[in-house]
Amino acid sequence: MNVPEGLKYADTHEWLRAEADGTVTIGITDHAQAALGDLVYVELPAVGKKLAARDATAVVESVKAASDVYAPAGGEVVAVNQALDGAPGAVNEDAEGKGWFFRLKLANAGELDALMSAEQYKDYLSTLS
């Protein structure tokens, strides 16, 4: 499993990366995309939508199942990865890179403290097997 350093992780298998402009980028983890299988559809939130931490914000559909994607922190959606509209497989190919879902302007940066580091997420994954 790919668990890049420098990201924060939620127990619902989303990752979050702080950007230089003060926003955060969010997507699903490599573990999540592997569990789902080949993605066939991604429904993203609308730009401008306000989210609370743990809100269901997006939906991914694979050949196996449909699953909600949750906001690991609250804020306002400022961008979405429109490339996923025609190519949801980008999530399978590069979940923590070109397969990102959306960007948020955080409402409360303190919420990031509740998320796991890469090492903590690896430990968490080991408890699931």
N, C-alpha and C. Protein backbone atom coordinates (compact mmCIF):
# COMPACT_ATOMS: atom_id res chain seq x y z
N MET A 1 0.84 -1.19 0.00
CA MET A 1 0.00 0.00 0.00
C MET A 1 0.88 1.25 0.00
N ASN A 2 0.50 2.19 -0.79
CA ASN A 2 1.20 3.47 -0.86
C ASN A 2 0.59 4.41 0.19
N VAL A 3 1.42 4.86 1.16
CA VAL A 3 0.98 5.81 2.19
C VAL A 3 2.03 6.92 2.24
N PRO A 4 1.89 7.94 1.38
CA PRO A 4 2.90 9.00 1.33
C PRO A 4 3.02 9.79 2.62
N GLU A 5 4.26 10.13 2.96
CA GLU A 5 4.53 11.02 4.08
C GLU A 5 4.05 12.43 3.70
N GLY A 6 3.79 13.26 4.68
CA GLY A 6 3.43 14.64 4.42
C GLY A 6 1.94 14.87 4.21
N LEU A 7 1.17 13.79 4.19
CA LEU A 7 -0.28 13.91 4.10
C LEU A 7 -0.87 13.59 5.46
N LYS A 8 -2.11 14.02 5.67
CA LYS A 8 -2.88 13.65 6.85
C LYS A 8 -3.94 12.65 6.39
N TYR A 9 -4.36 11.76 7.29
CA TYR A 9 -5.27 10.69 6.92
C TYR A 9 -6.44 10.60 7.89
N ALA A 10 -7.62 10.25 7.35
CA ALA A 10 -8.82 10.03 8.16
C ALA A 10 -9.08 8.54 8.27
N ASP A 11 -9.76 8.14 9.34
CA ASP A 11 -10.08 6.72 9.51
C ASP A 11 -11.09 6.22 8.48
N THR A 12 -11.67 7.14 7.72
CA THR A 12 -12.60 6.77 6.64
C THR A 12 -11.87 6.69 5.30
N HIS A 13 -10.53 6.73 5.33
CA HIS A 13 -9.65 6.49 4.19
C HIS A 13 -9.61 7.62 3.17
N GLU A 14 -9.70 8.85 3.67
CA GLU A 14 -9.41 10.03 2.86
C GLU A 14 -8.06 10.58 3.28
N TRP A 15 -7.38 11.23 2.34
CA TRP A 15 -6.14 11.93 2.66
C TRP A 15 -6.34 13.43 2.47
N LEU A 16 -5.49 14.21 3.10
CA LEU A 16 -5.56 15.67 3.03
C LEU A 16 -4.13 16.20 2.94
N ARG A 17 -3.91 17.11 2.01
CA ARG A 17 -2.59 17.73 1.83
C ARG A 17 -2.74 19.24 1.94
N ALA A 18 -1.96 19.87 2.82
CA ALA A 18 -1.95 21.33 2.94
C ALA A 18 -1.20 21.92 1.76
N GLU A 19 -1.77 22.95 1.14
CA GLU A 19 -1.17 23.61 -0.01
C GLU A 19 -0.56 24.95 0.41
N ALA A 20 0.34 25.46 -0.40
CA ALA A 20 1.04 26.72 -0.10
C ALA A 20 0.07 27.91 0.00
N ASP A 21 -1.06 27.84 -0.70
CA ASP A 21 -2.00 28.97 -0.69
C ASP A 21 -2.97 28.94 0.49
N GLY A 22 -2.77 27.99 1.42
CA GLY A 22 -3.64 27.91 2.58
C GLY A 22 -4.83 26.98 2.42
N THR A 23 -5.05 26.47 1.21
CA THR A 23 -6.13 25.50 1.01
C THR A 23 -5.60 24.10 1.31
N VAL A 24 -6.50 23.14 1.31
CA VAL A 24 -6.12 21.74 1.44
C VAL A 24 -6.73 20.95 0.29
N THR A 25 -5.98 19.98 -0.19
CA THR A 25 -6.45 19.09 -1.25
C THR A 25 -6.83 17.76 -0.61
N ILE A 26 -7.94 17.17 -1.08
CA ILE A 26 -8.50 15.97 -0.48
C ILE A 26 -8.77 14.92 -1.56
N GLY A 27 -8.52 13.68 -1.20
CA GLY A 27 -8.83 12.55 -2.08
C GLY A 27 -8.98 11.29 -1.25
N ILE A 28 -9.13 10.15 -1.91
CA ILE A 28 -9.19 8.89 -1.18
C ILE A 28 -7.82 8.22 -1.23
N THR A 29 -7.56 7.39 -0.25
CA THR A 29 -6.26 6.76 -0.14
C THR A 29 -6.09 5.62 -1.14
N ASP A 30 -4.84 5.22 -1.30
CA ASP A 30 -4.52 4.08 -2.14
C ASP A 30 -5.22 2.83 -1.61
N HIS A 31 -5.28 2.69 -0.30
CA HIS A 31 -6.00 1.56 0.30
C HIS A 31 -7.47 1.55 -0.13
N ALA A 32 -8.11 2.72 -0.09
CA ALA A 32 -9.53 2.82 -0.45
C ALA A 32 -9.75 2.47 -1.92
N GLN A 33 -8.91 3.03 -2.80
CA GLN A 33 -9.13 2.74 -4.23
C GLN A 33 -8.89 1.26 -4.53
N ALA A 34 -7.92 0.65 -3.84
CA ALA A 34 -7.65 -0.78 -4.05
C ALA A 34 -8.84 -1.63 -3.58
N ALA A 35 -9.42 -1.25 -2.45
CA ALA A 35 -10.57 -1.99 -1.91
C ALA A 35 -11.79 -1.87 -2.83
N LEU A 36 -11.95 -0.69 -3.44
CA LEU A 36 -13.10 -0.46 -4.31
C LEU A 36 -12.95 -1.16 -5.66
N GLY A 37 -11.73 -1.25 -6.15
CA GLY A 37 -11.53 -1.80 -7.49
C GLY A 37 -11.60 -0.69 -8.53
N ASP A 38 -11.77 -1.08 -9.78
CA ASP A 38 -11.76 -0.11 -10.87
C ASP A 38 -12.92 0.87 -10.75
N LEU A 39 -12.57 2.16 -10.62
CA LEU A 39 -13.61 3.19 -10.51
C LEU A 39 -14.21 3.49 -11.88
N VAL A 40 -15.52 3.64 -11.91
CA VAL A 40 -16.22 3.93 -13.16
C VAL A 40 -16.91 5.29 -13.13
N TYR A 41 -17.03 5.89 -11.94
CA TYR A 41 -17.73 7.17 -11.82
C TYR A 41 -17.33 7.85 -10.52
N VAL A 42 -17.15 9.16 -10.58
CA VAL A 42 -16.89 9.97 -9.39
C VAL A 42 -17.83 11.17 -9.42
N GLU A 43 -18.60 11.35 -8.35
CA GLU A 43 -19.47 12.53 -8.21
C GLU A 43 -18.81 13.46 -7.19
N LEU A 44 -18.47 14.66 -7.63
CA LEU A 44 -17.76 15.62 -6.80
C LEU A 44 -18.70 16.68 -6.23
N PRO A 45 -18.32 17.31 -5.13
CA PRO A 45 -19.17 18.38 -4.58
C PRO A 45 -19.10 19.63 -5.46
N ALA A 46 -20.06 20.50 -5.28
CA ALA A 46 -20.08 21.76 -6.04
C ALA A 46 -19.11 22.77 -5.42
N VAL A 47 -18.45 23.53 -6.28
CA VAL A 47 -17.61 24.63 -5.79
C VAL A 47 -18.52 25.60 -5.04
N GLY A 48 -18.07 26.06 -3.89
CA GLY A 48 -18.86 26.95 -3.05
C GLY A 48 -19.62 26.25 -1.94
N LYS A 49 -19.72 24.92 -2.04
CA LYS A 49 -20.44 24.17 -1.00
C LYS A 49 -19.65 24.23 0.30
N LYS A 50 -20.38 24.45 1.39
CA LYS A 50 -19.76 24.48 2.72
C LYS A 50 -19.95 23.10 3.36
N LEU A 51 -18.85 22.58 3.90
CA LEU A 51 -18.84 21.24 4.47
C LEU A 51 -18.40 21.28 5.93
N ALA A 52 -18.93 20.38 6.70
CA ALA A 52 -18.44 20.14 8.06
C ALA A 52 -17.58 18.88 8.02
N ALA A 53 -16.65 18.77 8.96
CA ALA A 53 -15.84 17.57 9.05
C ALA A 53 -16.75 16.35 9.16
N ARG A 54 -16.42 15.32 8.42
CA ARG A 54 -17.11 14.03 8.37
C ARG A 54 -18.41 14.06 7.56
N ASP A 55 -18.71 15.18 6.90
CA ASP A 55 -19.85 15.22 5.97
C ASP A 55 -19.55 14.32 4.77
N ALA A 56 -20.56 13.60 4.30
CA ALA A 56 -20.44 12.88 3.03
C ALA A 56 -20.42 13.95 1.93
N THR A 57 -19.37 13.96 1.12
CA THR A 57 -19.19 15.07 0.18
C THR A 57 -19.10 14.65 -1.27
N ALA A 58 -18.74 13.41 -1.51
CA ALA A 58 -18.58 12.92 -2.87
C ALA A 58 -18.99 11.45 -2.87
N VAL A 59 -19.14 10.91 -4.08
CA VAL A 59 -19.48 9.49 -4.23
C VAL A 59 -18.56 8.90 -5.27
N VAL A 60 -18.06 7.70 -4.98
CA VAL A 60 -17.29 6.96 -5.98
C VAL A 60 -18.03 5.67 -6.27
N GLU A 61 -18.07 5.32 -7.55
CA GLU A 61 -18.69 4.06 -7.95
C GLU A 61 -17.62 3.24 -8.66
N SER A 62 -17.58 1.97 -8.29
CA SER A 62 -16.64 1.05 -8.92
C SER A 62 -17.41 -0.12 -9.49
N VAL A 63 -16.67 -1.05 -10.06
CA VAL A 63 -17.31 -2.25 -10.57
C VAL A 63 -17.87 -3.09 -9.42
N LYS A 64 -17.39 -2.83 -8.19
CA LYS A 64 -17.84 -3.59 -7.02
C LYS A 64 -18.96 -2.92 -6.24
N ALA A 65 -18.87 -1.59 -6.05
CA ALA A 65 -19.81 -0.92 -5.13
C ALA A 65 -19.77 0.59 -5.31
N ALA A 66 -20.71 1.25 -4.67
CA ALA A 66 -20.69 2.72 -4.57
C ALA A 66 -20.35 3.04 -3.12
N SER A 67 -19.60 4.12 -2.92
CA SER A 67 -19.17 4.47 -1.58
C SER A 67 -19.12 5.99 -1.43
N ASP A 68 -19.46 6.47 -0.24
CA ASP A 68 -19.35 7.90 0.05
C ASP A 68 -17.90 8.26 0.35
N VAL A 69 -17.57 9.50 0.04
CA VAL A 69 -16.28 10.09 0.41
C VAL A 69 -16.60 11.19 1.40
N TYR A 70 -15.87 11.22 2.52
CA TYR A 70 -16.16 12.15 3.60
C TYR A 70 -15.13 13.26 3.66
N ALA A 71 -15.56 14.42 4.13
CA ALA A 71 -14.64 15.55 4.32
C ALA A 71 -13.84 15.30 5.60
N PRO A 72 -12.51 15.22 5.52
CA PRO A 72 -11.74 15.03 6.74
C PRO A 72 -11.66 16.28 7.61
N ALA A 73 -12.04 17.42 7.04
CA ALA A 73 -12.09 18.69 7.78
C ALA A 73 -13.17 19.55 7.14
N GLY A 74 -13.63 20.55 7.87
CA GLY A 74 -14.69 21.41 7.37
C GLY A 74 -14.14 22.62 6.64
N GLY A 75 -14.97 23.17 5.75
CA GLY A 75 -14.59 24.37 5.02
C GLY A 75 -15.44 24.53 3.78
N GLU A 76 -14.97 25.39 2.89
CA GLU A 76 -15.69 25.67 1.65
C GLU A 76 -14.93 25.09 0.47
N VAL A 77 -15.65 24.38 -0.39
CA VAL A 77 -15.05 23.81 -1.60
C VAL A 77 -14.66 24.95 -2.54
N VAL A 78 -13.37 25.02 -2.87
CA VAL A 78 -12.89 26.09 -3.75
C VAL A 78 -12.47 25.58 -5.12
N ALA A 79 -12.33 24.25 -5.27
CA ALA A 79 -11.97 23.67 -6.57
C ALA A 79 -12.31 22.19 -6.55
N VAL A 80 -12.61 21.65 -7.72
CA VAL A 80 -12.80 20.21 -7.88
C VAL A 80 -11.95 19.74 -9.04
N ASN A 81 -11.59 18.48 -9.02
CA ASN A 81 -10.77 17.89 -10.08
C ASN A 81 -11.68 17.45 -11.22
N GLN A 82 -11.94 18.37 -12.14
CA GLN A 82 -12.86 18.09 -13.24
C GLN A 82 -12.34 17.01 -14.17
N ALA A 83 -11.05 16.74 -14.15
CA ALA A 83 -10.48 15.69 -15.00
C ALA A 83 -11.06 14.32 -14.64
N LEU A 84 -11.53 14.16 -13.40
CA LEU A 84 -12.10 12.87 -13.00
C LEU A 84 -13.44 12.60 -13.67
N ASP A 85 -14.09 13.66 -14.16
CA ASP A 85 -15.39 13.50 -14.81
C ASP A 85 -15.32 12.53 -15.97
N GLY A 86 -14.29 12.63 -16.76
CA GLY A 86 -14.16 11.74 -17.91
C GLY A 86 -13.17 10.62 -17.70
N ALA A 87 -12.45 10.64 -16.59
CA ALA A 87 -11.40 9.65 -16.37
C ALA A 87 -11.29 9.28 -14.88
N PRO A 88 -12.32 8.63 -14.33
CA PRO A 88 -12.27 8.27 -12.91
C PRO A 88 -11.14 7.29 -12.59
N GLY A 89 -10.65 6.59 -13.59
CA GLY A 89 -9.55 5.66 -13.40
C GLY A 89 -8.27 6.33 -12.93
N ALA A 90 -8.18 7.65 -13.04
CA ALA A 90 -7.01 8.38 -12.54
C ALA A 90 -6.84 8.15 -11.04
N VAL A 91 -7.95 7.93 -10.34
CA VAL A 91 -7.88 7.65 -8.90
C VAL A 91 -7.18 6.31 -8.67
N ASN A 92 -7.50 5.31 -9.49
CA ASN A 92 -6.85 4.01 -9.36
C ASN A 92 -5.36 4.09 -9.69
N GLU A 93 -5.03 4.93 -10.66
CA GLU A 93 -3.63 5.04 -11.11
C GLU A 93 -2.77 5.85 -10.14
N ASP A 94 -3.33 6.90 -9.55
CA ASP A 94 -2.53 7.83 -8.73
C ASP A 94 -3.44 8.50 -7.70
N ALA A 95 -3.87 7.72 -6.71
CA ALA A 95 -4.86 8.19 -5.74
C ALA A 95 -4.41 9.45 -4.99
N GLU A 96 -3.13 9.52 -4.64
CA GLU A 96 -2.65 10.67 -3.86
C GLU A 96 -2.02 11.75 -4.73
N GLY A 97 -2.19 11.65 -6.03
CA GLY A 97 -1.64 12.64 -6.95
C GLY A 97 -2.72 13.16 -7.87
N LYS A 98 -2.67 12.75 -9.14
CA LYS A 98 -3.63 13.28 -10.12
C LYS A 98 -5.06 12.83 -9.86
N GLY A 99 -5.25 11.89 -8.93
CA GLY A 99 -6.59 11.42 -8.59
C GLY A 99 -7.25 12.18 -7.44
N TRP A 100 -6.75 13.40 -7.13
CA TRP A 100 -7.36 14.20 -6.05
C TRP A 100 -8.82 14.53 -6.39
N PHE A 101 -9.63 14.80 -5.37
CA PHE A 101 -11.06 15.06 -5.57
C PHE A 101 -11.41 16.54 -5.52
N PHE A 102 -11.09 17.21 -4.40
CA PHE A 102 -11.48 18.62 -4.27
C PHE A 102 -10.53 19.35 -3.34
N ARG A 103 -10.63 20.69 -3.38
CA ARG A 103 -9.85 21.54 -2.48
C ARG A 103 -10.79 22.33 -1.59
N LEU A 104 -10.36 22.52 -0.35
CA LEU A 104 -11.14 23.27 0.63
C LEU A 104 -10.36 24.47 1.14
N LYS A 105 -11.09 25.53 1.41
CA LYS A 105 -10.58 26.61 2.26
C LYS A 105 -11.08 26.23 3.65
N LEU A 106 -10.16 25.90 4.55
CA LEU A 106 -10.53 25.39 5.87
C LEU A 106 -11.29 26.41 6.69
N ALA A 107 -12.27 25.93 7.44
CA ALA A 107 -12.98 26.77 8.39
C ALA A 107 -12.24 26.81 9.73
N ASN A 108 -11.56 25.69 10.08
CA ASN A 108 -10.87 25.59 11.35
C ASN A 108 -9.65 24.69 11.18
N ALA A 109 -8.49 25.29 11.05
CA ALA A 109 -7.26 24.52 10.83
C ALA A 109 -6.97 23.56 11.99
N GLY A 110 -7.53 23.82 13.15
CA GLY A 110 -7.34 22.94 14.30
C GLY A 110 -7.90 21.54 14.07
N GLU A 111 -8.84 21.41 13.14
CA GLU A 111 -9.40 20.08 12.84
C GLU A 111 -8.34 19.13 12.28
N LEU A 112 -7.28 19.68 11.72
CA LEU A 112 -6.23 18.84 11.15
C LEU A 112 -5.53 18.02 12.23
N ASP A 113 -5.54 18.52 13.45
CA ASP A 113 -4.89 17.82 14.56
C ASP A 113 -5.54 16.47 14.85
N ALA A 114 -6.80 16.30 14.47
CA ALA A 114 -7.51 15.06 14.72
C ALA A 114 -7.19 13.98 13.68
N LEU A 115 -6.48 14.35 12.62
CA LEU A 115 -6.16 13.40 11.56
C LEU A 115 -4.86 12.67 11.85
N MET A 116 -4.67 11.54 11.20
CA MET A 116 -3.49 10.70 11.41
C MET A 116 -2.33 11.09 10.50
N SER A 117 -1.13 10.88 11.01
CA SER A 117 0.08 10.99 10.18
C SER A 117 0.18 9.73 9.31
N ALA A 118 1.12 9.70 8.39
CA ALA A 118 1.32 8.51 7.55
C ALA A 118 1.62 7.30 8.42
N GLU A 119 2.47 7.45 9.40
CA GLU A 119 2.84 6.33 10.28
C GLU A 119 1.62 5.84 11.07
N GLN A 120 0.83 6.77 11.58
CA GLN A 120 -0.37 6.39 12.33
C GLN A 120 -1.38 5.68 11.41
N TYR A 121 -1.49 6.16 10.17
CA TYR A 121 -2.43 5.53 9.23
C TYR A 121 -1.96 4.11 8.88
N LYS A 122 -0.66 3.92 8.69
CA LYS A 122 -0.14 2.57 8.44
C LYS A 122 -0.47 1.65 9.60
N ASP A 123 -0.29 2.15 10.82
CA ASP A 123 -0.63 1.36 12.00
C ASP A 123 -2.12 1.03 12.02
N TYR A 124 -2.94 2.02 11.68
CA TYR A 124 -4.39 1.83 11.62
C TYR A 124 -4.76 0.74 10.59
N LEU A 125 -4.13 0.81 9.41
CA LEU A 125 -4.41 -0.20 8.37
C LEU A 125 -4.03 -1.59 8.85
N SER A 126 -2.99 -1.70 9.64
CA SER A 126 -2.56 -3.02 10.11
C SER A 126 -3.60 -3.64 11.05
N THR A 127 -4.42 -2.82 11.68
CA THR A 127 -5.45 -3.34 12.58
C THR A 127 -6.67 -3.85 11.81
N LEU A 128 -6.77 -3.50 10.53
CA LEU A 128 -7.93 -3.87 9.73
C LEU A 128 -7.80 -5.25 9.10
N SER A 129 -6.57 -5.77 9.03
CA SER A 129 -6.39 -7.05 8.34
C SER A 129 -6.63 -8.23 9.24
